[in-house]
Amino acid sequence: MDYKHLLFIALLSLLACCTIMFLVWLWAKKIKNAGVVDVFWALNFPVITTITFFLAEGSESRKLLICGMFLIAELRLGIHLWKRVIGHLNEEEGRYEQLRKEWGDKADRNFFFFFQFQAISNVILALPFFIITANPSTEISILEYIGLGIWIIAFIGEMIADNQLAAFKKDVKNKGKVCETGFWYYSRHPNYFFEWLAWMAYFIFALASPLGILAIISPAIILYLLLKVTGVPNNEEQNLRSKPVAYKKYQQTTSAFFPWWKKG
């Protein structure tokens, strides 16, 4: 494994992601909507995938498999987020609106660093792909097939959860109500759970490659971000602001992250 070449791919990916996020920040500053960062955080991964696929020196069949998985998943997520955000570009999502209020005159500057941090996180989280695509072995191992199987479950699960929430929000009769249909009956954030599960699949896939154990950093970071930073906490705060009584009851009965039976 050529570590210098891997570092070159990572640095090139970082340069591409930081450039994209700088341009997105300029756009967000102009339209006063920082929510577009979520869309391009997801779409930065296909950029990294493309760079890695053409420059990595591992087995072509393995590169096709893992890059195909990653490309499909992140393009779906990016398109889903694009549809959600593009529908209200003139209306900033509550969590970013709250940050803008808290930061005041320093909002644009702080959002610049926030956007760049997202670009850096893209490259750090892509560690499994740098490792996997450098593996020269031509044989696909059982661990890689297990990773693929878990990824299929995660991909389908997240897609269904997103569609269930979108359909619920589209019905005007549900305004002010909490979505408790489908996967949302068992978890307050099933989309986040399946997103994390996909990263666990990438880690398991990477275990078949040299230094694959290092790929644990990706699902670990994703889990931390979802549970403690930008995922569940921000979403819960916004829901409690918009529908305090209904959402508090939902919190008392429904698992926050891992799908499970309701309490009581």
C-alpha atoms as a PDB file:
ATOM      1  CA  MET A   1       0.000   0.000   0.000  1.00  0.00           C
ATOM      2  CA  ASP A   2       1.483   3.329  -1.105  1.00  0.00           C
ATOM      3  CA  TYR A   3       0.830   5.660   1.836  1.00  0.00           C
ATOM      4  CA  LYS A   4       2.180   8.721   0.043  1.00  0.00           C
ATOM      5  CA  HIS A   5      -0.244   8.141  -2.812  1.00  0.00           C
ATOM      6  CA  LEU A   6      -3.127   7.741  -0.345  1.00  0.00           C
ATOM      7  CA  LEU A   7      -2.144  11.026   1.303  1.00  0.00           C
ATOM      8  CA  PHE A   8      -2.064  12.693  -2.118  1.00  0.00           C
ATOM      9  CA  ILE A   9      -5.614  11.466  -2.866  1.00  0.00           C
ATOM     10  CA  ALA A  10      -6.806  12.679   0.557  1.00  0.00           C
ATOM     11  CA  LEU A  11      -5.222  16.134   0.119  1.00  0.00           C
ATOM     12  CA  LEU A  12      -6.632  16.489  -3.392  1.00  0.00           C
ATOM     13  CA  SER A  13     -10.072  15.530  -2.050  1.00  0.00           C
ATOM     14  CA  LEU A  14      -9.698  18.077   0.757  1.00  0.00           C
ATOM     15  CA  LEU A  15      -8.790  20.829  -1.699  1.00  0.00           C
ATOM     16  CA  ALA A  16     -11.822  19.990  -3.864  1.00  0.00           C
ATOM     17  CA  CYS A  17     -14.238  19.871  -0.893  1.00  0.00           C
ATOM     18  CA  CYS A  18     -12.925  23.104   0.669  1.00  0.00           C
ATOM     19  CA  THR A  19     -13.239  24.893  -2.675  1.00  0.00           C
ATOM     20  CA  ILE A  20     -16.797  23.657  -3.143  1.00  0.00           C
ATOM     21  CA  MET A  21     -17.763  24.689   0.388  1.00  0.00           C
ATOM     22  CA  PHE A  22     -16.238  28.137  -0.105  1.00  0.00           C
ATOM     23  CA  LEU A  23     -18.399  28.660  -3.196  1.00  0.00           C
ATOM     24  CA  VAL A  24     -21.445  27.293  -1.360  1.00  0.00           C
ATOM     25  CA  TRP A  25     -20.723  29.684   1.535  1.00  0.00           C
ATOM     26  CA  LEU A  26     -20.685  32.629  -0.892  1.00  0.00           C
ATOM     27  CA  TRP A  27     -24.070  31.495  -2.231  1.00  0.00           C
ATOM     28  CA  ALA A  28     -25.483  30.932   1.267  1.00  0.00           C
ATOM     29  CA  LYS A  29     -24.288  34.383   2.312  1.00  0.00           C
ATOM     30  CA  LYS A  30     -26.057  35.940  -0.671  1.00  0.00           C
ATOM     31  CA  ILE A  31     -29.387  34.171  -0.157  1.00  0.00           C
ATOM     32  CA  LYS A  32     -29.170  34.185   3.678  1.00  0.00           C
ATOM     33  CA  ASN A  33     -29.788  30.446   3.900  1.00  0.00           C
ATOM     34  CA  ALA A  34     -27.064  28.302   5.494  1.00  0.00           C
ATOM     35  CA  GLY A  35     -29.204  25.175   5.087  1.00  0.00           C
ATOM     36  CA  VAL A  36     -27.653  24.563   1.659  1.00  0.00           C
ATOM     37  CA  VAL A  37     -24.550  23.288   3.473  1.00  0.00           C
ATOM     38  CA  ASP A  38     -26.373  20.007   4.232  1.00  0.00           C
ATOM     39  CA  VAL A  39     -26.962  19.375   0.532  1.00  0.00           C
ATOM     40  CA  PHE A  40     -23.363  19.914  -0.470  1.00  0.00           C
ATOM     41  CA  TRP A  41     -21.985  18.008   2.521  1.00  0.00           C
ATOM     42  CA  ALA A  42     -23.698  14.961   1.013  1.00  0.00           C
ATOM     43  CA  LEU A  43     -22.718  15.844  -2.571  1.00  0.00           C
ATOM     44  CA  ASN A  44     -19.055  16.295  -1.621  1.00  0.00           C
ATOM     45  CA  PHE A  45     -18.806  12.536  -1.105  1.00  0.00           C
ATOM     46  CA  PRO A  46     -19.479  11.731  -4.788  1.00  0.00           C
ATOM     47  CA  VAL A  47     -16.666  14.184  -5.610  1.00  0.00           C
ATOM     48  CA  ILE A  48     -14.321  12.274  -3.293  1.00  0.00           C
ATOM     49  CA  THR A  49     -15.568   8.979  -4.748  1.00  0.00           C
ATOM     50  CA  THR A  50     -14.788  10.108  -8.299  1.00  0.00           C
ATOM     51  CA  ILE A  51     -11.287  11.312  -7.362  1.00  0.00           C
ATOM     52  CA  THR A  52     -10.566   8.098  -5.455  1.00  0.00           C
ATOM     53  CA  PHE A  53     -11.912   5.797  -8.166  1.00  0.00           C
ATOM     54  CA  PHE A  54      -9.678   7.259 -10.877  1.00  0.00           C
ATOM     55  CA  LEU A  55      -6.540   7.727  -8.767  1.00  0.00           C
ATOM     56  CA  ALA A  56      -6.535   4.786  -6.319  1.00  0.00           C
ATOM     57  CA  GLU A  57      -4.343   1.827  -7.250  1.00  0.00           C
ATOM     58  CA  GLY A  58      -6.355  -1.070  -5.792  1.00  0.00           C
ATOM     59  CA  SER A  59      -8.381  -3.808  -7.488  1.00  0.00           C
ATOM     60  CA  GLU A  60     -10.724  -2.458 -10.179  1.00  0.00           C
ATOM     61  CA  SER A  61     -13.608  -4.775  -9.220  1.00  0.00           C
ATOM     62  CA  ARG A  62     -13.410  -3.707  -5.563  1.00  0.00           C
ATOM     63  CA  LYS A  63     -13.206  -0.043  -6.546  1.00  0.00           C
ATOM     64  CA  LEU A  64     -16.301  -0.432  -8.735  1.00  0.00           C
ATOM     65  CA  LEU A  65     -18.217  -2.110  -5.915  1.00  0.00           C
ATOM     66  CA  ILE A  66     -17.409   0.247  -3.024  1.00  0.00           C
ATOM     67  CA  CYS A  67     -17.476   3.438  -5.119  1.00  0.00           C
ATOM     68  CA  GLY A  68     -20.777   2.350  -6.650  1.00  0.00           C
ATOM     69  CA  MET A  69     -22.259   1.792  -3.174  1.00  0.00           C
ATOM     70  CA  PHE A  70     -21.028   5.144  -1.911  1.00  0.00           C
ATOM     71  CA  LEU A  71     -22.038   7.042  -5.038  1.00  0.00           C
ATOM     72  CA  ILE A  72     -25.591   5.661  -5.024  1.00  0.00           C
ATOM     73  CA  ALA A  73     -26.104   6.349  -1.297  1.00  0.00           C
ATOM     74  CA  GLU A  74     -24.734   9.883  -1.216  1.00  0.00           C
ATOM     75  CA  LEU A  75     -26.334  10.983  -4.489  1.00  0.00           C
ATOM     76  CA  ARG A  76     -29.691   9.786  -3.164  1.00  0.00           C
ATOM     77  CA  LEU A  77     -29.152  11.681   0.099  1.00  0.00           C
ATOM     78  CA  GLY A  78     -27.930  14.809  -1.709  1.00  0.00           C
ATOM     79  CA  ILE A  79     -30.902  14.815  -4.105  1.00  0.00           C
ATOM     80  CA  HIS A  80     -33.318  14.223  -1.201  1.00  0.00           C
ATOM     81  CA  LEU A  81     -31.825  17.135   0.747  1.00  0.00           C
ATOM     82  CA  TRP A  82     -31.796  19.306  -2.379  1.00  0.00           C
ATOM     83  CA  LYS A  83     -35.527  18.749  -2.904  1.00  0.00           C
ATOM     84  CA  ARG A  84     -36.174  19.595   0.755  1.00  0.00           C
ATOM     85  CA  VAL A  85     -34.037  22.749   0.820  1.00  0.00           C
ATOM     86  CA  ILE A  86     -34.752  24.076  -2.693  1.00  0.00           C
ATOM     87  CA  GLY A  87     -38.455  24.233  -1.870  1.00  0.00           C
ATOM     88  CA  HIS A  88     -37.866  27.010   0.667  1.00  0.00           C
ATOM     89  CA  LEU A  89     -34.630  28.783  -0.235  1.00  0.00           C
ATOM     90  CA  ASN A  90     -36.158  32.010   1.047  1.00  0.00           C
ATOM     91  CA  GLU A  91     -36.875  30.367   4.404  1.00  0.00           C
ATOM     92  CA  GLU A  92     -33.863  29.188   6.413  1.00  0.00           C
ATOM     93  CA  GLU A  93     -34.241  25.987   8.440  1.00  0.00           C
ATOM     94  CA  GLY A  94     -34.916  26.597  12.127  1.00  0.00           C
ATOM     95  CA  ARG A  95     -31.606  25.272  13.443  1.00  0.00           C
ATOM     96  CA  TYR A  96     -29.562  27.539  11.151  1.00  0.00           C
ATOM     97  CA  GLU A  97     -31.877  30.460  11.791  1.00  0.00           C
ATOM     98  CA  GLN A  98     -31.251  29.966  15.506  1.00  0.00           C
ATOM     99  CA  LEU A  99     -27.470  29.905  14.973  1.00  0.00           C
ATOM    100  CA  ARG A 100     -27.711  33.096  12.922  1.00  0.00           C
ATOM    101  CA  LYS A 101     -29.546  34.792  15.804  1.00  0.00           C
ATOM    102  CA  GLU A 102     -27.047  33.554  18.384  1.00  0.00           C
ATOM    103  CA  TRP A 103     -24.016  34.616  16.330  1.00  0.00           C
ATOM    104  CA  GLY A 104     -25.431  38.013  15.360  1.00  0.00           C
ATOM    105  CA  ASP A 105     -22.930  40.164  13.431  1.00  0.00           C
ATOM    106  CA  LYS A 106     -20.424  37.287  13.376  1.00  0.00           C
ATOM    107  CA  ALA A 107     -22.835  34.899  11.642  1.00  0.00           C
ATOM    108  CA  ASP A 108     -21.292  35.088   8.148  1.00  0.00           C
ATOM    109  CA  ARG A 109     -17.768  34.631   9.506  1.00  0.00           C
ATOM    110  CA  ASN A 110     -18.788  31.724  11.752  1.00  0.00           C
ATOM    111  CA  PHE A 111     -20.703  30.064   8.944  1.00  0.00           C
ATOM    112  CA  PHE A 112     -17.563  30.269   6.787  1.00  0.00           C
ATOM    113  CA  PHE A 113     -15.620  28.215   9.342  1.00  0.00           C
ATOM    114  CA  PHE A 114     -18.618  25.922   9.833  1.00  0.00           C
ATOM    115  CA  PHE A 115     -18.770  25.219   6.073  1.00  0.00           C
ATOM    116  CA  GLN A 116     -15.015  24.536   5.940  1.00  0.00           C
ATOM    117  CA  PHE A 117     -15.296  22.195   8.911  1.00  0.00           C
ATOM    118  CA  GLN A 118     -17.927  20.268   6.945  1.00  0.00           C
ATOM    119  CA  ALA A 119     -15.451  19.921   4.063  1.00  0.00           C
ATOM    120  CA  ILE A 120     -12.755  18.616   6.419  1.00  0.00           C
ATOM    121  CA  SER A 121     -15.237  16.152   7.928  1.00  0.00           C
ATOM    122  CA  ASN A 122     -16.006  14.863   4.415  1.00  0.00           C
ATOM    123  CA  VAL A 123     -12.394  13.794   3.934  1.00  0.00           C
ATOM    124  CA  ILE A 124     -11.941  12.354   7.438  1.00  0.00           C
ATOM    125  CA  LEU A 125     -15.115  10.309   7.075  1.00  0.00           C
ATOM    126  CA  ALA A 126     -13.957   9.048   3.670  1.00  0.00           C
ATOM    127  CA  LEU A 127     -11.069   7.144   5.323  1.00  0.00           C
ATOM    128  CA  PRO A 128     -12.713   3.718   4.699  1.00  0.00           C
ATOM    129  CA  PHE A 129     -12.787   4.441   0.959  1.00  0.00           C
ATOM    130  CA  PHE A 130      -9.157   5.492   0.799  1.00  0.00           C
ATOM    131  CA  ILE A 131      -8.252   2.226   2.559  1.00  0.00           C
ATOM    132  CA  ILE A 132     -10.597  -0.043   0.555  1.00  0.00           C
ATOM    133  CA  THR A 133      -9.692   1.339  -2.878  1.00  0.00           C
ATOM    134  CA  ALA A 134      -5.985   0.825  -2.160  1.00  0.00           C
ATOM    135  CA  ASN A 135      -6.453  -2.918  -1.539  1.00  0.00           C
ATOM    136  CA  PRO A 136      -4.788  -4.797  -4.449  1.00  0.00           C
ATOM    137  CA  SER A 137      -6.412  -8.182  -3.695  1.00  0.00           C
ATOM    138  CA  THR A 138      -8.659  -9.359  -6.534  1.00  0.00           C
ATOM    139  CA  GLU A 139     -10.763 -11.629  -4.295  1.00  0.00           C
ATOM    140  CA  ILE A 140     -13.895 -10.182  -2.629  1.00  0.00           C
ATOM    141  CA  SER A 141     -13.947 -11.567   0.940  1.00  0.00           C
ATOM    142  CA  ILE A 142     -16.853 -12.676   3.138  1.00  0.00           C
ATOM    143  CA  LEU A 143     -16.457  -9.512   5.252  1.00  0.00           C
ATOM    144  CA  GLU A 144     -16.976  -7.411   2.151  1.00  0.00           C
ATOM    145  CA  TYR A 145     -20.124  -9.334   1.239  1.00  0.00           C
ATOM    146  CA  ILE A 146     -21.425  -8.870   4.807  1.00  0.00           C
ATOM    147  CA  GLY A 147     -20.691  -5.142   4.537  1.00  0.00           C
ATOM    148  CA  LEU A 148     -22.576  -5.026   1.246  1.00  0.00           C
ATOM    149  CA  GLY A 149     -25.586  -6.806   2.797  1.00  0.00           C
ATOM    150  CA  ILE A 150     -25.752  -4.391   5.747  1.00  0.00           C
ATOM    151  CA  TRP A 151     -25.368  -1.455   3.358  1.00  0.00           C
ATOM    152  CA  ILE A 152     -28.359  -2.628   1.279  1.00  0.00           C
ATOM    153  CA  ILE A 153     -30.503  -2.792   4.453  1.00  0.00           C
ATOM    154  CA  ALA A 154     -29.312   0.685   5.533  1.00  0.00           C
ATOM    155  CA  PHE A 155     -29.843   2.229   2.094  1.00  0.00           C
ATOM    156  CA  ILE A 156     -33.390   0.897   1.720  1.00  0.00           C
ATOM    157  CA  GLY A 157     -34.227   1.739   5.338  1.00  0.00           C
ATOM    158  CA  GLU A 158     -33.066   5.354   5.091  1.00  0.00           C
ATOM    159  CA  MET A 159     -34.870   5.841   1.781  1.00  0.00           C
ATOM    160  CA  ILE A 160     -38.135   4.497   3.238  1.00  0.00           C
ATOM    161  CA  ALA A 161     -37.794   6.610   6.407  1.00  0.00           C
ATOM    162  CA  ASP A 162     -37.183   9.777   4.363  1.00  0.00           C
ATOM    163  CA  ASN A 163     -40.166   9.035   2.118  1.00  0.00           C
ATOM    164  CA  GLN A 164     -42.418   8.336   5.107  1.00  0.00           C
ATOM    165  CA  LEU A 165     -41.549  11.689   6.701  1.00  0.00           C
ATOM    166  CA  ALA A 166     -41.899  13.565   3.395  1.00  0.00           C
ATOM    167  CA  ALA A 167     -45.361  12.050   2.800  1.00  0.00           C
ATOM    168  CA  PHE A 168     -46.422  12.939   6.359  1.00  0.00           C
ATOM    169  CA  LYS A 169     -45.302  16.566   6.000  1.00  0.00           C
ATOM    170  CA  LYS A 170     -46.965  16.883   2.591  1.00  0.00           C
ATOM    171  CA  ASP A 171     -50.412  16.217   4.112  1.00  0.00           C
ATOM    172  CA  VAL A 172     -51.744  19.578   5.377  1.00  0.00           C
ATOM    173  CA  LYS A 173     -53.844  17.757   7.991  1.00  0.00           C
ATOM    174  CA  ASN A 174     -50.626  16.821   9.798  1.00  0.00           C
ATOM    175  CA  LYS A 175     -49.483  20.416  10.423  1.00  0.00           C
ATOM    176  CA  GLY A 176     -48.409  20.704  14.053  1.00  0.00           C
ATOM    177  CA  LYS A 177     -48.436  16.931  14.512  1.00  0.00           C
ATOM    178  CA  VAL A 178     -45.548  14.489  15.016  1.00  0.00           C
ATOM    179  CA  CYS A 179     -44.827  11.782  12.441  1.00  0.00           C
ATOM    180  CA  GLU A 180     -45.308   8.379  14.084  1.00  0.00           C
ATOM    181  CA  THR A 181     -45.875   6.275  10.991  1.00  0.00           C
ATOM    182  CA  GLY A 182     -43.691   3.434   9.729  1.00  0.00           C
ATOM    183  CA  PHE A 183     -40.139   3.515  11.080  1.00  0.00           C
ATOM    184  CA  TRP A 184     -40.956   6.756  12.929  1.00  0.00           C
ATOM    185  CA  TYR A 185     -43.170   4.734  15.271  1.00  0.00           C
ATOM    186  CA  TYR A 186     -40.087   2.907  16.585  1.00  0.00           C
ATOM    187  CA  SER A 187     -37.491   5.707  16.484  1.00  0.00           C
ATOM    188  CA  ARG A 188     -37.600   9.511  16.593  1.00  0.00           C
ATOM    189  CA  HIS A 189     -34.760   9.589  14.062  1.00  0.00           C
ATOM    190  CA  PRO A 190     -34.795   6.377  11.966  1.00  0.00           C
ATOM    191  CA  ASN A 191     -33.206   8.208   9.010  1.00  0.00           C
ATOM    192  CA  TYR A 192     -30.197   9.051  11.188  1.00  0.00           C
ATOM    193  CA  PHE A 193     -30.019   5.467  12.449  1.00  0.00           C
ATOM    194  CA  PHE A 194     -29.922   4.017   8.934  1.00  0.00           C
ATOM    195  CA  GLU A 195     -27.361   6.639   7.858  1.00  0.00           C
ATOM    196  CA  TRP A 196     -25.104   5.493  10.718  1.00  0.00           C
ATOM    197  CA  LEU A 197     -25.758   1.841   9.822  1.00  0.00           C
ATOM    198  CA  ALA A 198     -24.489   2.527   6.286  1.00  0.00           C
ATOM    199  CA  TRP A 199     -21.224   3.840   7.745  1.00  0.00           C
ATOM    200  CA  MET A 200     -20.965   0.717   9.889  1.00  0.00           C
ATOM    201  CA  ALA A 201     -21.314  -1.278   6.660  1.00  0.00           C
ATOM    202  CA  TYR A 202     -18.398   0.634   5.110  1.00  0.00           C
ATOM    203  CA  PHE A 203     -16.296  -0.104   8.215  1.00  0.00           C
ATOM    204  CA  ILE A 204     -17.075  -3.841   8.055  1.00  0.00           C
ATOM    205  CA  PHE A 205     -16.255  -3.782   4.325  1.00  0.00           C
ATOM    206  CA  ALA A 206     -12.915  -2.087   5.102  1.00  0.00           C
ATOM    207  CA  LEU A 207     -11.920  -4.761   7.630  1.00  0.00           C
ATOM    208  CA  ALA A 208     -10.944  -7.003   4.709  1.00  0.00           C
ATOM    209  CA  SER A 209      -8.249  -4.501   3.655  1.00  0.00           C
ATOM    210  CA  PRO A 210      -4.871  -3.709   5.253  1.00  0.00           C
ATOM    211  CA  LEU A 211      -5.298  -1.143   8.078  1.00  0.00           C
ATOM    212  CA  GLY A 212      -9.075  -1.553   7.741  1.00  0.00           C
ATOM    213  CA  ILE A 213      -9.518  -1.357  11.520  1.00  0.00           C
ATOM    214  CA  LEU A 214      -8.717   2.378  11.239  1.00  0.00           C
ATOM    215  CA  ALA A 215     -11.999   2.819   9.361  1.00  0.00           C
ATOM    216  CA  ILE A 216     -13.856   2.572  12.704  1.00  0.00           C
ATOM    217  CA  ILE A 217     -13.253   6.302  12.983  1.00  0.00           C
ATOM    218  CA  SER A 218     -15.992   6.979  10.414  1.00  0.00           C
ATOM    219  CA  PRO A 219     -19.024   5.327  12.097  1.00  0.00           C
ATOM    220  CA  ALA A 220     -17.710   6.554  15.475  1.00  0.00           C
ATOM    221  CA  ILE A 221     -17.614  10.184  14.296  1.00  0.00           C
ATOM    222  CA  ILE A 222     -20.968   9.875  12.528  1.00  0.00           C
ATOM    223  CA  LEU A 223     -22.554   8.446  15.698  1.00  0.00           C
ATOM    224  CA  TYR A 224     -21.095  11.245  17.829  1.00  0.00           C
ATOM    225  CA  LEU A 225     -22.201  13.969  15.407  1.00  0.00           C
ATOM    226  CA  LEU A 226     -25.708  12.526  15.076  1.00  0.00           C
ATOM    227  CA  LEU A 227     -26.255  11.984  18.799  1.00  0.00           C
ATOM    228  CA  LYS A 228     -24.398  14.928  20.306  1.00  0.00           C
ATOM    229  CA  VAL A 229     -23.800  17.702  17.753  1.00  0.00           C
ATOM    230  CA  THR A 230     -25.667  18.434  14.513  1.00  0.00           C
ATOM    231  CA  GLY A 231     -28.186  15.614  14.292  1.00  0.00           C
ATOM    232  CA  VAL A 232     -30.540  14.643  17.100  1.00  0.00           C
ATOM    233  CA  PRO A 233     -29.939  17.652  19.449  1.00  0.00           C
ATOM    234  CA  ASN A 234     -30.611  20.337  16.818  1.00  0.00           C
ATOM    235  CA  ASN A 235     -33.580  18.478  15.375  1.00  0.00           C
ATOM    236  CA  GLU A 236     -35.108  17.885  18.805  1.00  0.00           C
ATOM    237  CA  GLU A 237     -34.697  21.532  19.815  1.00  0.00           C
ATOM    238  CA  GLN A 238     -36.430  22.680  16.632  1.00  0.00           C
ATOM    239  CA  ASN A 239     -39.292  20.208  17.073  1.00  0.00           C
ATOM    240  CA  LEU A 240     -39.776  21.258  20.695  1.00  0.00           C
ATOM    241  CA  ARG A 241     -39.975  24.887  19.569  1.00  0.00           C
ATOM    242  CA  SER A 242     -42.493  24.176  16.794  1.00  0.00           C
ATOM    243  CA  LYS A 243     -44.714  21.589  18.537  1.00  0.00           C
ATOM    244  CA  PRO A 244     -43.743  21.459  22.237  1.00  0.00           C
ATOM    245  CA  VAL A 245     -46.612  19.418  23.713  1.00  0.00           C
ATOM    246  CA  ALA A 246     -46.866  16.778  20.978  1.00  0.00           C
ATOM    247  CA  TYR A 247     -43.120  16.326  20.639  1.00  0.00           C
ATOM    248  CA  LYS A 248     -42.505  16.078  24.389  1.00  0.00           C
ATOM    249  CA  LYS A 249     -45.035  13.233  24.522  1.00  0.00           C
ATOM    250  CA  TYR A 250     -43.259  11.624  21.539  1.00  0.00           C
ATOM    251  CA  GLN A 251     -39.933  11.881  23.398  1.00  0.00           C
ATOM    252  CA  GLN A 252     -41.401  10.133  26.440  1.00  0.00           C
ATOM    253  CA  THR A 253     -42.626   7.111  24.483  1.00  0.00           C
ATOM    254  CA  THR A 254     -40.236   6.660  21.548  1.00  0.00           C
ATOM    255  CA  SER A 255     -36.555   5.691  21.307  1.00  0.00           C
ATOM    256  CA  ALA A 256     -34.356   8.597  20.230  1.00  0.00           C
ATOM    257  CA  PHE A 257     -32.122   6.721  17.801  1.00  0.00           C
ATOM    258  CA  PHE A 258     -32.112   2.909  17.743  1.00  0.00           C
ATOM    259  CA  PRO A 259     -35.501   1.528  16.586  1.00  0.00           C
ATOM    260  CA  TRP A 260     -37.262  -0.093  19.519  1.00  0.00           C
ATOM    261  CA  TRP A 261     -40.728  -0.765  20.958  1.00  0.00           C
ATOM    262  CA  LYS A 262     -42.580   2.182  22.463  1.00  0.00           C
ATOM    263  CA  LYS A 263     -42.631   2.683  26.247  1.00  0.00           C
ATOM    264  CA  GLY A 264     -45.922   2.292  28.021  1.00  0.00           C
END
